[in-house]
Amino acid sequence: MRRTTTRTRLKVTVNIIRRTYDIGRQAAQEFKANMTILFDDLAPEWNDRVVP
């Protein structure tokens, strides 16, 4: 993946996070009430970020 390029020489950067995350862990209600969650336009089910 790291060496991938396109025909127009677009280079791809890959960052792999080597960490184990708990499955099914829920965010606290207070956190959800006070934070804005922004979802990515292209892949909202995979990419999101929390903005204070």
PDB file of N, CA and C in Angstrom:
ATOM      1  N   MET A   1       0.818  -1.204   0.000  1.00  0.00           N
ATOM      2  CA  MET A   1       0.000   0.000   0.000  1.00  0.00           C
ATOM      3  C   MET A   1       0.858   1.264   0.000  1.00  0.00           C
ATOM      4  N   ARG A   2       1.937   1.227   0.736  1.00  0.00           N
ATOM      5  CA  ARG A   2       2.746   2.423   0.898  1.00  0.00           C
ATOM      6  C   ARG A   2       3.372   2.892  -0.406  1.00  0.00           C
ATOM      7  N   ARG A   3       3.646   1.989  -1.327  1.00  0.00           N
ATOM      8  CA  ARG A   3       4.302   2.345  -2.587  1.00  0.00           C
ATOM      9  C   ARG A   3       3.319   2.571  -3.734  1.00  0.00           C
ATOM     10  N   THR A   4       2.062   2.645  -3.456  1.00  0.00           N
ATOM     11  CA  THR A   4       1.046   2.781  -4.492  1.00  0.00           C
ATOM     12  C   THR A   4       1.103   4.154  -5.154  1.00  0.00           C
ATOM     13  N   THR A   5       0.991   4.168  -6.478  1.00  0.00           N
ATOM     14  CA  THR A   5       0.868   5.414  -7.235  1.00  0.00           C
ATOM     15  C   THR A   5      -0.172   5.196  -8.327  1.00  0.00           C
ATOM     16  N   THR A   6      -0.641   6.288  -8.902  1.00  0.00           N
ATOM     17  CA  THR A   6      -1.596   6.205 -10.004  1.00  0.00           C
ATOM     18  C   THR A   6      -0.883   6.505 -11.311  1.00  0.00           C
ATOM     19  N   ARG A   7      -1.607   6.413 -12.406  1.00  0.00           N
ATOM     20  CA  ARG A   7      -1.017   6.712 -13.714  1.00  0.00           C
ATOM     21  C   ARG A   7      -0.583   8.165 -13.811  1.00  0.00           C
ATOM     22  N   THR A   8      -1.239   9.041 -13.058  1.00  0.00           N
ATOM     23  CA  THR A   8      -0.878  10.463 -13.085  1.00  0.00           C
ATOM     24  C   THR A   8       0.145  10.807 -12.007  1.00  0.00           C
ATOM     25  N   ARG A   9       0.781   9.760 -11.444  1.00  0.00           N
ATOM     26  CA  ARG A   9       1.844   9.889 -10.440  1.00  0.00           C
ATOM     27  C   ARG A   9       1.363  10.415  -9.085  1.00  0.00           C
ATOM     28  N   LEU A  10       0.080  10.273  -8.801  1.00  0.00           N
ATOM     29  CA  LEU A  10      -0.429  10.609  -7.479  1.00  0.00           C
ATOM     30  C   LEU A  10       0.114   9.593  -6.491  1.00  0.00           C
ATOM     31  N   LYS A  11       0.714  10.047  -5.419  1.00  0.00           N
ATOM     32  CA  LYS A  11       1.275   9.147  -4.417  1.00  0.00           C
ATOM     33  C   LYS A  11       0.289   8.971  -3.273  1.00  0.00           C
ATOM     34  N   VAL A  12       0.294   7.815  -2.685  1.00  0.00           N
ATOM     35  CA  VAL A  12      -0.609   7.475  -1.592  1.00  0.00           C
ATOM     36  C   VAL A  12       0.188   7.344  -0.308  1.00  0.00           C
ATOM     37  N   THR A  13      -0.307   7.938   0.767  1.00  0.00           N
ATOM     38  CA  THR A  13       0.323   7.812   2.076  1.00  0.00           C
ATOM     39  C   THR A  13      -0.571   6.963   2.965  1.00  0.00           C
ATOM     40  N   VAL A  14       0.020   5.981   3.617  1.00  0.00           N
ATOM     41  CA  VAL A  14      -0.729   5.078   4.485  1.00  0.00           C
ATOM     42  C   VAL A  14      -0.154   5.148   5.891  1.00  0.00           C
ATOM     43  N   ASN A  15      -1.010   5.369   6.854  1.00  0.00           N
ATOM     44  CA  ASN A  15      -0.607   5.342   8.258  1.00  0.00           C
ATOM     45  C   ASN A  15      -1.374   4.222   8.944  1.00  0.00           C
ATOM     46  N   ILE A  16      -0.659   3.251   9.464  1.00  0.00           N
ATOM     47  CA  ILE A  16      -1.294   2.126  10.135  1.00  0.00           C
ATOM     48  C   ILE A  16      -1.132   2.310  11.638  1.00  0.00           C
ATOM     49  N   ILE A  17      -2.248   2.278  12.347  1.00  0.00           N
ATOM     50  CA  ILE A  17      -2.222   2.404  13.801  1.00  0.00           C
ATOM     51  C   ILE A  17      -2.172   0.992  14.372  1.00  0.00           C
ATOM     52  N   ARG A  18      -1.096   0.667  15.000  1.00  0.00           N
ATOM     53  CA  ARG A  18      -0.918  -0.669  15.564  1.00  0.00           C
ATOM     54  C   ARG A  18      -1.338  -0.663  17.025  1.00  0.00           C
ATOM     55  N   ARG A  19      -2.622  -0.594  17.232  1.00  0.00           N
ATOM     56  CA  ARG A  19      -3.179  -0.550  18.581  1.00  0.00           C
ATOM     57  C   ARG A  19      -4.471  -1.349  18.599  1.00  0.00           C
ATOM     58  N   THR A  20      -4.764  -1.975  19.700  1.00  0.00           N
ATOM     59  CA  THR A  20      -5.997  -2.724  19.848  1.00  0.00           C
ATOM     60  C   THR A  20      -7.027  -1.849  20.556  1.00  0.00           C
ATOM     61  N   TYR A  21      -8.211  -1.766  19.988  1.00  0.00           N
ATOM     62  CA  TYR A  21      -9.276  -0.968  20.570  1.00  0.00           C
ATOM     63  C   TYR A  21     -10.390  -1.890  21.062  1.00  0.00           C
ATOM     64  N   ASP A  22     -11.044  -1.485  22.131  1.00  0.00           N
ATOM     65  CA  ASP A  22     -12.157  -2.261  22.678  1.00  0.00           C
ATOM     66  C   ASP A  22     -13.338  -2.212  21.714  1.00  0.00           C
ATOM     67  N   ILE A  23     -13.942  -3.350  21.469  1.00  0.00           N
ATOM     68  CA  ILE A  23     -15.106  -3.441  20.595  1.00  0.00           C
ATOM     69  C   ILE A  23     -16.358  -3.210  21.434  1.00  0.00           C
ATOM     70  N   GLY A  24     -17.284  -2.415  20.901  1.00  0.00           N
ATOM     71  CA  GLY A  24     -18.554  -2.190  21.571  1.00  0.00           C
ATOM     72  C   GLY A  24     -18.516  -1.165  22.685  1.00  0.00           C
ATOM     73  N   ARG A  25     -17.414  -0.481  22.851  1.00  0.00           N
ATOM     74  CA  ARG A  25     -17.307   0.522  23.906  1.00  0.00           C
ATOM     75  C   ARG A  25     -18.160   1.739  23.527  1.00  0.00           C
ATOM     76  N   GLN A  26     -18.942   2.244  24.453  1.00  0.00           N
ATOM     77  CA  GLN A  26     -19.856   3.348  24.199  1.00  0.00           C
ATOM     78  C   GLN A  26     -19.320   4.652  24.789  1.00  0.00           C
ATOM     79  N   ALA A  27     -19.603   5.767  24.118  1.00  0.00           N
ATOM     80  CA  ALA A  27     -19.220   7.083  24.625  1.00  0.00           C
ATOM     81  C   ALA A  27     -20.211   7.513  25.702  1.00  0.00           C
ATOM     82  N   ALA A  28     -19.730   8.264  26.674  1.00  0.00           N
ATOM     83  CA  ALA A  28     -20.585   8.759  27.756  1.00  0.00           C
ATOM     84  C   ALA A  28     -21.632   9.721  27.197  1.00  0.00           C
ATOM     85  N   GLN A  29     -22.811   9.752  27.796  1.00  0.00           N
ATOM     86  CA  GLN A  29     -23.892  10.628  27.343  1.00  0.00           C
ATOM     87  C   GLN A  29     -23.480  12.099  27.406  1.00  0.00           C
ATOM     88  N   GLU A  30     -22.738  12.483  28.435  1.00  0.00           N
ATOM     89  CA  GLU A  30     -22.284  13.871  28.569  1.00  0.00           C
ATOM     90  C   GLU A  30     -21.361  14.251  27.416  1.00  0.00           C
ATOM     91  N   PHE A  31     -20.493  13.332  27.035  1.00  0.00           N
ATOM     92  CA  PHE A  31     -19.587  13.558  25.908  1.00  0.00           C
ATOM     93  C   PHE A  31     -20.387  13.765  24.621  1.00  0.00           C
ATOM     94  N   LYS A  32     -21.353  12.914  24.367  1.00  0.00           N
ATOM     95  CA  LYS A  32     -22.165  13.017  23.153  1.00  0.00           C
ATOM     96  C   LYS A  32     -22.968  14.314  23.121  1.00  0.00           C
ATOM     97  N   ALA A  33     -23.442  14.763  24.279  1.00  0.00           N
ATOM     98  CA  ALA A  33     -24.261  15.971  24.348  1.00  0.00           C
ATOM     99  C   ALA A  33     -23.442  17.238  24.094  1.00  0.00           C
ATOM    100  N   ASN A  34     -22.145  17.222  24.432  1.00  0.00           N
ATOM    101  CA  ASN A  34     -21.336  18.437  24.358  1.00  0.00           C
ATOM    102  C   ASN A  34     -20.374  18.485  23.185  1.00  0.00           C
ATOM    103  N   MET A  35     -20.272  17.439  22.390  1.00  0.00           N
ATOM    104  CA  MET A  35     -19.326  17.404  21.286  1.00  0.00           C
ATOM    105  C   MET A  35     -20.048  17.322  19.940  1.00  0.00           C
ATOM    106  N   THR A  36     -19.437  17.904  18.934  1.00  0.00           N
ATOM    107  CA  THR A  36     -19.960  17.834  17.575  1.00  0.00           C
ATOM    108  C   THR A  36     -19.191  16.758  16.827  1.00  0.00           C
ATOM    109  N   ILE A  37     -19.904  15.826  16.219  1.00  0.00           N
ATOM    110  CA  ILE A  37     -19.271  14.767  15.440  1.00  0.00           C
ATOM    111  C   ILE A  37     -19.452  15.094  13.963  1.00  0.00           C
ATOM    112  N   LEU A  38     -18.332  15.219  13.249  1.00  0.00           N
ATOM    113  CA  LEU A  38     -18.358  15.512  11.819  1.00  0.00           C
ATOM    114  C   LEU A  38     -17.998  14.245  11.057  1.00  0.00           C
ATOM    115  N   PHE A  39     -18.859  13.864  10.123  1.00  0.00           N
ATOM    116  CA  PHE A  39     -18.645  12.659   9.328  1.00  0.00           C
ATOM    117  C   PHE A  39     -18.087  13.030   7.965  1.00  0.00           C
ATOM    118  N   ASP A  40     -17.204  12.212   7.455  1.00  0.00           N
ATOM    119  CA  ASP A  40     -16.581  12.412   6.160  1.00  0.00           C
ATOM    120  C   ASP A  40     -17.627  12.285   5.055  1.00  0.00           C
ATOM    121  N   ASP A  41     -17.501  13.105   4.004  1.00  0.00           N
ATOM    122  CA  ASP A  41     -18.458  13.065   2.895  1.00  0.00           C
ATOM    123  C   ASP A  41     -18.335  11.801   2.055  1.00  0.00           C
ATOM    124  N   LEU A  42     -17.116  11.300   1.859  1.00  0.00           N
ATOM    125  CA  LEU A  42     -16.908  10.141   0.996  1.00  0.00           C
ATOM    126  C   LEU A  42     -17.172   8.808   1.691  1.00  0.00           C
ATOM    127  N   ALA A  43     -16.767   8.682   2.947  1.00  0.00           N
ATOM    128  CA  ALA A  43     -16.927   7.415   3.669  1.00  0.00           C
ATOM    129  C   ALA A  43     -17.330   7.685   5.121  1.00  0.00           C
ATOM    130  N   PRO A  44     -18.557   8.144   5.356  1.00  0.00           N
ATOM    131  CA  PRO A  44     -18.961   8.521   6.710  1.00  0.00           C
ATOM    132  C   PRO A  44     -18.989   7.356   7.697  1.00  0.00           C
ATOM    133  N   GLU A  45     -19.154   6.133   7.206  1.00  0.00           N
ATOM    134  CA  GLU A  45     -19.185   4.982   8.110  1.00  0.00           C
ATOM    135  C   GLU A  45     -17.786   4.632   8.621  1.00  0.00           C
ATOM    136  N   TRP A  46     -16.738   5.142   7.968  1.00  0.00           N
ATOM    137  CA  TRP A  46     -15.364   4.842   8.374  1.00  0.00           C
ATOM    138  C   TRP A  46     -14.659   6.038   8.992  1.00  0.00           C
ATOM    139  N   ASN A  47     -14.920   7.243   8.481  1.00  0.00           N
ATOM    140  CA  ASN A  47     -14.162   8.414   8.885  1.00  0.00           C
ATOM    141  C   ASN A  47     -15.049   9.445   9.564  1.00  0.00           C
ATOM    142  N   ASP A  48     -14.690   9.763  10.779  1.00  0.00           N
ATOM    143  CA  ASP A  48     -15.364  10.840  11.489  1.00  0.00           C
ATOM    144  C   ASP A  48     -14.374  11.484  12.444  1.00  0.00           C
ATOM    145  N   ARG A  49     -14.739  12.670  12.929  1.00  0.00           N
ATOM    146  CA  ARG A  49     -13.899  13.334  13.917  1.00  0.00           C
ATOM    147  C   ARG A  49     -14.785  14.092  14.886  1.00  0.00           C
ATOM    148  N   VAL A  50     -14.289  14.292  16.082  1.00  0.00           N
ATOM    149  CA  VAL A  50     -15.029  14.972  17.138  1.00  0.00           C
ATOM    150  C   VAL A  50     -14.416  16.352  17.323  1.00  0.00           C
ATOM    151  N   VAL A  51     -15.268  17.359  17.317  1.00  0.00           N
ATOM    152  CA  VAL A  51     -14.813  18.744  17.455  1.00  0.00           C
ATOM    153  C   VAL A  51     -15.405  19.309  18.748  1.00  0.00           C
ATOM    154  N   PRO A  52     -14.546  19.822  19.629  1.00  0.00           N
ATOM    155  CA  PRO A  52     -15.081  20.407  20.888  1.00  0.00           C
ATOM    156  C   PRO A  52     -15.843  21.688  20.646  1.00  0.00           C
TER     157      PRO A  52
END
